[in-house]
Amino acid sequence: MRTASIPGTPQARARGLLRCGVAAGPVFVAVFLAEGVVRDGYRPLRHPVSSLALGSRGWIQAGNFAVTGTLFLAAAAGLARAGDPATSSRAAPALIGAAGAGLIGSAVFTTDPVSGYPPGTPDALTRPSPAGTAHTLAAVPVFLGLPAAALACSWRSWRAGQRGFGLYSAGTAVTMLATMALAAAGFSQSPRLVSLGGLFQRTSIITGFAWLTALSARALQHAPASRSTSMNTTRIPQTRHAHVAA
């Protein structure tokens, strides 16, 4: 008996969506790390990731926001269909989808210059631009929604007896919130933190996006396998006809 999977089934689509969640974090981080190295005047430890969307090469980071946001939305849809106890409620997939929408909004609305990047701009603007304000609002579901999703998964995992992943999810939420608070202080020109704002923000991003990768990979293990068809090859015995000699 041979087994062949049927493409296009709901199970196959769900697994494909979960693979988007696995890829989202590595794709986003790889792009902003590479861009941070080649930009003149850009200091990754000091400047936010969003500042990479400014300047002549800004379209690369804008595209990174858009692609990653789309991957987040796909992951949210896949997690909602998976059988993982950590995402058994609607809260976590909805919050992850909101983070994806926020990333797409960050691609549409560019941030204001901050901490002296691009070169020649002030450390802080006296009045934020409308686009900068919209960008800040778009970041809210990313830096607050993702920790909230991790907390929701932590609670569900703990109740299901999966305490290891529950503790990991709770730690993710706390780390994201704490490091983003430090990053915000740095971008607000706190004397002690201004030179490390970018580092704290990157710690928050990598922590949260790595958690989504782990959650999606874990959900792939719980997702039902694609339906298959069984093709049986039956041998029909040949009968010999006896010829009676007259």
Protein backbone atom coordinates (compact mmCIF):
# COMPACT_ATOMS: atom_id res chain seq x y z
CA MET A 1 0.00 0.00 0.00
CA ARG A 2 1.36 3.43 -0.97
CA THR A 3 0.36 6.67 0.79
CA ALA A 4 0.30 10.03 -0.98
CA SER A 5 -0.56 13.35 0.69
CA ILE A 6 -3.20 15.54 -0.86
CA PRO A 7 -2.05 19.14 -1.36
CA GLY A 8 -4.49 21.93 -0.57
CA THR A 9 -6.26 20.22 2.32
CA PRO A 10 -7.09 22.30 5.44
CA GLN A 11 -4.44 20.39 7.39
CA ALA A 12 -1.77 21.17 4.80
CA ARG A 13 -2.75 24.84 4.72
CA ALA A 14 -2.59 25.06 8.51
CA ARG A 15 0.90 23.60 8.54
CA GLY A 16 1.98 26.02 5.84
CA LEU A 17 0.70 28.94 7.90
CA LEU A 18 2.59 27.70 10.95
CA ARG A 19 5.79 27.54 8.92
CA CYS A 20 5.32 31.25 8.25
CA GLY A 21 5.42 31.76 12.02
CA VAL A 22 8.64 29.77 12.25
CA ALA A 23 10.26 31.96 9.58
CA ALA A 24 8.98 35.38 10.69
CA GLY A 25 11.50 36.07 13.45
CA PRO A 26 14.65 34.85 11.68
CA VAL A 27 13.76 36.80 8.53
CA PHE A 28 13.11 40.06 10.38
CA VAL A 29 16.18 39.84 12.59
CA ALA A 30 18.53 38.85 9.76
CA VAL A 31 17.48 41.83 7.65
CA PHE A 32 17.77 44.50 10.34
CA LEU A 33 21.10 43.12 11.56
CA ALA A 34 22.54 43.20 8.05
CA GLU A 35 21.19 46.68 7.37
CA GLY A 36 22.55 47.99 10.66
CA VAL A 37 26.06 46.98 9.66
CA VAL A 38 26.15 48.75 6.30
CA ARG A 39 24.44 52.05 7.18
CA ASP A 40 26.73 55.08 7.52
CA GLY A 41 26.25 56.83 10.84
CA TYR A 42 23.95 54.14 12.18
CA ARG A 43 24.84 52.67 15.59
CA PRO A 44 22.84 49.53 16.41
CA LEU A 45 23.46 49.88 20.14
CA ARG A 46 22.04 53.42 20.13
CA HIS A 47 19.47 53.69 17.35
CA PRO A 48 16.10 51.92 16.97
CA VAL A 49 15.39 49.35 14.29
CA SER A 50 12.70 51.62 12.86
CA SER A 51 15.31 54.25 11.99
CA LEU A 52 16.55 51.91 9.28
CA ALA A 53 13.39 52.83 7.35
CA LEU A 54 14.75 56.37 6.93
CA GLY A 55 17.05 57.47 4.14
CA SER A 56 17.66 56.23 0.62
CA ARG A 57 17.79 52.59 1.69
CA GLY A 58 14.75 52.90 3.90
CA TRP A 59 12.64 50.83 1.54
CA ILE A 60 14.53 47.70 2.65
CA GLN A 61 13.44 47.99 6.27
CA ALA A 62 9.97 49.10 5.22
CA GLY A 63 9.71 45.94 3.15
CA ASN A 64 11.03 43.96 6.11
CA PHE A 65 8.22 45.33 8.26
CA ALA A 66 5.61 44.48 5.63
CA VAL A 67 6.85 40.95 4.90
CA THR A 68 7.24 40.08 8.57
CA GLY A 69 3.83 41.51 9.39
CA THR A 70 2.30 39.31 6.70
CA LEU A 71 4.10 36.28 8.14
CA PHE A 72 2.72 37.17 11.59
CA LEU A 73 -0.82 37.29 10.22
CA ALA A 74 -0.32 33.90 8.57
CA ALA A 75 1.09 32.49 11.81
CA ALA A 76 -1.91 33.79 13.76
CA ALA A 77 -4.26 32.02 11.35
CA GLY A 78 -2.28 28.79 11.63
CA LEU A 79 -2.12 28.93 15.43
CA ALA A 80 -5.87 29.41 15.61
CA ARG A 81 -6.30 26.12 13.73
CA ALA A 82 -3.61 24.15 15.53
CA GLY A 83 -4.34 21.72 18.32
CA ASP A 84 -1.69 23.12 20.66
CA PRO A 85 -3.02 23.58 24.22
CA ALA A 86 -0.98 26.79 24.51
CA THR A 87 -3.14 28.47 21.87
CA SER A 88 -6.43 26.79 22.73
CA SER A 89 -8.03 30.18 23.42
CA ARG A 90 -8.60 32.86 20.80
CA ALA A 91 -6.63 35.49 22.71
CA ALA A 92 -3.09 34.52 21.72
CA PRO A 93 -3.68 34.14 17.95
CA ALA A 94 -5.66 37.41 17.95
CA LEU A 95 -2.87 39.28 19.73
CA ILE A 96 -0.25 37.83 17.39
CA GLY A 97 -2.39 38.91 14.43
CA ALA A 98 -2.61 42.41 15.93
CA ALA A 99 1.19 42.47 16.17
CA GLY A 100 1.35 41.56 12.50
CA ALA A 101 -0.99 44.41 11.63
CA GLY A 102 1.20 46.72 13.71
CA LEU A 103 4.28 45.68 11.75
CA ILE A 104 2.51 46.42 8.48
CA GLY A 105 1.48 49.80 9.89
CA SER A 106 5.13 50.45 10.75
CA ALA A 107 5.96 49.87 7.09
CA VAL A 108 3.39 52.44 5.97
CA PHE A 109 4.28 55.15 8.50
CA THR A 110 7.97 55.85 9.00
CA THR A 111 9.36 56.88 12.36
CA ASP A 112 10.80 60.29 13.17
CA PRO A 113 14.57 60.78 13.48
CA VAL A 114 15.84 60.03 16.97
CA SER A 115 19.18 59.98 18.78
CA GLY A 116 20.95 61.74 15.92
CA TYR A 117 20.05 59.40 13.06
CA PRO A 118 20.02 60.09 10.17
CA PRO A 119 23.22 62.11 10.61
CA GLY A 120 22.57 65.83 10.99
CA THR A 121 19.18 65.41 12.69
CA PRO A 122 18.57 66.36 16.34
CA ASP A 123 18.52 63.81 19.13
CA ALA A 124 14.81 64.44 19.66
CA LEU A 125 12.20 66.44 17.76
CA THR A 126 10.31 69.16 19.62
CA ARG A 127 7.08 67.99 17.99
CA PRO A 128 6.51 64.55 16.43
CA SER A 129 5.25 64.40 12.87
CA PRO A 130 1.87 62.79 12.04
CA ALA A 131 3.67 59.86 10.40
CA GLY A 132 5.93 59.46 13.43
CA THR A 133 2.93 59.46 15.76
CA ALA A 134 1.19 56.83 13.63
CA HIS A 135 4.35 54.73 13.65
CA THR A 136 4.49 54.87 17.44
CA LEU A 137 0.85 53.79 17.68
CA ALA A 138 1.50 50.93 15.25
CA ALA A 139 4.28 49.68 17.52
CA VAL A 140 1.91 49.29 20.49
CA PRO A 141 0.39 45.92 19.43
CA VAL A 142 3.92 44.64 18.73
CA PHE A 143 5.59 45.55 22.02
CA LEU A 144 2.50 45.14 24.21
CA GLY A 145 0.42 42.66 22.23
CA LEU A 146 3.16 40.08 21.84
CA PRO A 147 3.93 39.97 25.60
CA ALA A 148 0.19 39.71 26.26
CA ALA A 149 0.00 36.76 23.85
CA ALA A 150 2.93 35.12 25.64
CA LEU A 151 1.18 35.54 28.99
CA ALA A 152 -2.01 34.02 27.58
CA CYS A 153 -0.03 31.03 26.30
CA SER A 154 1.78 30.78 29.61
CA TRP A 155 -1.49 30.44 31.50
CA ARG A 156 -2.92 27.88 29.08
CA SER A 157 0.30 25.85 29.07
CA TRP A 158 0.50 25.86 32.85
CA ARG A 159 -3.09 24.64 33.18
CA ALA A 160 -2.39 21.89 30.65
CA GLY A 161 0.53 20.66 32.74
CA GLN A 162 3.16 21.94 30.29
CA ARG A 163 4.99 24.01 32.86
CA GLY A 164 8.27 24.30 30.98
CA PHE A 165 6.73 26.14 28.06
CA GLY A 166 4.51 28.06 30.44
CA LEU A 167 7.53 29.41 32.32
CA TYR A 168 9.30 30.19 29.04
CA SER A 169 6.30 32.15 27.80
CA ALA A 170 6.02 34.09 31.06
CA GLY A 171 9.73 34.88 30.96
CA THR A 172 9.36 36.09 27.40
CA ALA A 173 6.62 38.53 28.39
CA VAL A 174 8.56 39.93 31.34
CA THR A 175 11.79 40.28 29.34
CA MET A 176 10.06 42.00 26.43
CA LEU A 177 8.30 44.52 28.65
CA ALA A 178 11.34 45.27 30.81
CA THR A 179 13.80 45.73 27.94
CA MET A 180 11.34 47.81 25.92
CA ALA A 181 10.84 50.12 28.91
CA LEU A 182 14.62 50.60 29.08
CA ALA A 183 14.74 51.18 25.31
CA ALA A 184 12.00 53.82 25.54
CA ALA A 185 13.98 55.61 28.23
CA GLY A 186 17.04 55.55 26.01
CA PHE A 187 15.19 56.94 23.00
CA SER A 188 13.81 59.66 25.29
CA GLN A 189 17.44 60.71 25.82
CA SER A 190 17.92 59.44 29.34
CA PRO A 191 21.63 60.23 29.97
CA ARG A 192 22.42 56.78 31.32
CA LEU A 193 20.51 54.81 28.70
CA VAL A 194 20.62 56.86 25.48
CA SER A 195 23.67 55.04 24.16
CA LEU A 196 22.04 51.64 24.78
CA GLY A 197 18.48 52.22 23.57
CA GLY A 198 19.03 50.19 20.41
CA LEU A 199 20.50 47.29 22.33
CA PHE A 200 17.55 47.09 24.71
CA GLN A 201 15.07 47.30 21.84
CA ARG A 202 16.84 44.54 19.94
CA THR A 203 16.79 42.37 23.04
CA SER A 204 13.03 42.87 23.29
CA ILE A 205 12.45 42.12 19.61
CA ILE A 206 14.64 39.03 19.47
CA THR A 207 13.12 37.66 22.67
CA GLY A 208 9.55 38.04 21.44
CA PHE A 209 10.12 36.94 17.86
CA ALA A 210 12.11 33.90 18.97
CA TRP A 211 9.16 32.94 21.17
CA LEU A 212 6.84 33.09 18.16
CA THR A 213 9.23 30.83 16.26
CA ALA A 214 9.24 28.35 19.15
CA LEU A 215 5.44 28.52 19.52
CA SER A 216 4.88 27.93 15.80
CA ALA A 217 7.36 25.05 15.70
CA ARG A 218 5.68 23.51 18.72
CA ALA A 219 2.24 23.92 17.16
CA LEU A 220 3.48 22.13 14.05
CA GLN A 221 3.98 19.05 16.21
CA HIS A 222 0.37 19.22 17.38
CA ALA A 223 -1.13 20.09 14.00
CA PRO A 224 -2.92 17.19 12.32
CA ALA A 225 -1.05 15.68 9.42
CA SER A 226 -2.36 16.10 5.92
CA ARG A 227 -4.98 13.64 4.85
CA SER A 228 -3.75 10.97 2.54
CA THR A 229 -5.10 8.64 -0.03
CA SER A 230 -4.33 4.99 -0.07
CA MET A 231 -3.71 3.41 -3.39
CA ASN A 232 -4.03 -0.33 -3.24
CA THR A 233 -2.67 -2.39 -6.01
CA THR A 234 -4.55 -5.65 -6.14
CA ARG A 235 -3.29 -8.52 -8.10
CA ILE A 236 -6.00 -10.42 -9.89
CA PRO A 237 -5.12 -14.05 -10.01
CA GLN A 238 -5.08 -15.50 -13.44
CA THR A 239 -7.15 -18.58 -13.93
CA ARG A 240 -6.15 -21.22 -16.23
CA HIS A 241 -8.78 -22.79 -18.32
CA ALA A 242 -8.51 -26.50 -18.59
CA HIS A 243 -8.96 -27.82 -22.05
CA VAL A 244 -10.57 -31.17 -22.12
CA ALA A 245 -9.26 -33.31 -24.91
CA ALA A 246 -11.92 -35.04 -26.82
